[in-house]
């Protein structure tokens, strides 16, 4: 299976995910629980791996994170868009 990467990264939302999660005072396990309620197979370790850029994020997981964190896709992709425009 080919490795999915962009500029050496497995995802482009890890840092923003951590920032937005902490802004809501959520622990990784609490965010994982919110994702599970939304129907996603996700645990604390998955959140940790995403935030540390060790796990790919699917498009439907991105949408789920937006719902769980009450933010927009643009909020999570902010750093990526900034880098594209530099």
Protein backbone atom coordinates (compact mmCIF):
# COMPACT_ATOMS: atom_id res chain seq x y z
CA UNK A 1 0.00 0.00 0.00
CA UNK A 2 1.31 3.44 -0.91
CA UNK A 3 2.04 5.88 1.87
CA UNK A 4 -0.25 8.91 1.79
CA UNK A 5 1.67 12.07 2.61
CA UNK A 6 1.70 15.77 1.83
CA UNK A 7 4.99 17.60 2.29
CA UNK A 8 6.14 14.71 4.49
CA UNK A 9 3.02 14.83 6.70
CA UNK A 10 0.36 12.18 7.21
CA UNK A 11 -2.26 14.87 7.84
CA UNK A 12 -2.53 18.65 7.80
CA UNK A 13 -4.89 19.20 10.75
CA UNK A 14 -3.00 17.74 13.73
CA UNK A 15 -1.76 21.00 15.20
CA UNK A 16 -5.06 22.83 14.72
CA UNK A 17 -6.96 19.84 16.11
CA UNK A 18 -4.90 20.04 19.32
CA UNK A 19 -5.38 23.82 19.57
CA UNK A 20 -9.15 23.66 19.06
CA UNK A 21 -9.52 20.66 21.40
CA UNK A 22 -7.62 22.45 24.17
CA UNK A 23 -9.61 25.64 23.57
CA UNK A 24 -12.71 23.63 24.53
CA UNK A 25 -10.86 22.11 27.52
CA UNK A 26 -11.29 18.61 26.12
CA UNK A 27 -8.90 15.77 26.81
CA UNK A 28 -8.01 13.48 23.92
CA UNK A 29 -10.19 10.72 25.38
CA UNK A 30 -13.12 13.10 25.66
CA UNK A 31 -12.80 14.10 21.99
CA UNK A 32 -12.56 10.42 21.07
CA UNK A 33 -15.78 9.78 23.03
CA UNK A 34 -17.53 12.60 21.15
CA UNK A 35 -16.39 11.04 17.87
CA UNK A 36 -17.67 7.63 18.98
CA UNK A 37 -21.10 9.12 19.75
CA UNK A 38 -21.09 10.44 16.17
CA UNK A 39 -20.41 6.90 14.91
CA UNK A 40 -16.66 7.00 14.34
CA UNK A 41 -14.31 4.24 15.49
CA UNK A 42 -11.88 6.41 17.41
CA UNK A 43 -9.99 6.15 20.69
CA UNK A 44 -7.60 8.37 22.64
CA UNK A 45 -4.59 6.81 20.91
CA UNK A 46 -6.01 7.69 17.48
CA UNK A 47 -6.44 11.33 18.55
CA UNK A 48 -2.87 11.35 19.88
CA UNK A 49 -1.53 9.90 16.63
CA UNK A 50 -3.42 12.47 14.56
CA UNK A 51 -2.17 15.35 16.68
CA UNK A 52 1.41 14.03 16.43
CA UNK A 53 1.04 13.59 12.66
CA UNK A 54 1.37 9.81 12.80
CA UNK A 55 -2.07 9.00 11.37
CA UNK A 56 -3.94 9.90 8.22
CA UNK A 57 -7.31 11.67 8.60
CA UNK A 58 -10.12 10.75 6.22
CA UNK A 59 -12.53 13.27 4.76
CA UNK A 60 -15.42 11.92 6.83
CA UNK A 61 -13.29 12.08 10.01
CA UNK A 62 -12.52 15.73 9.19
CA UNK A 63 -16.27 16.41 8.99
CA UNK A 64 -16.77 14.55 12.29
CA UNK A 65 -14.08 16.56 14.04
CA UNK A 66 -15.76 19.76 12.84
CA UNK A 67 -19.06 18.65 14.34
CA UNK A 68 -17.47 17.45 17.59
CA UNK A 69 -15.44 20.65 18.01
CA UNK A 70 -18.17 22.97 16.69
CA UNK A 71 -15.86 24.47 14.09
CA UNK A 72 -15.63 24.70 10.32
CA UNK A 73 -13.39 22.78 7.97
CA UNK A 74 -11.58 26.06 7.34
CA UNK A 75 -10.78 26.29 11.05
CA UNK A 76 -9.07 22.90 10.99
CA UNK A 77 -7.37 23.51 7.63
CA UNK A 78 -6.23 27.06 8.47
CA UNK A 79 -2.50 26.24 8.65
CA UNK A 80 -2.67 24.23 5.42
CA UNK A 81 -4.36 27.06 3.52
CA UNK A 82 -1.86 29.57 4.88
CA UNK A 83 1.04 27.42 3.72
CA UNK A 84 -0.51 27.06 0.25
CA UNK A 85 -0.79 30.83 -0.07
CA UNK A 86 2.77 31.59 1.09
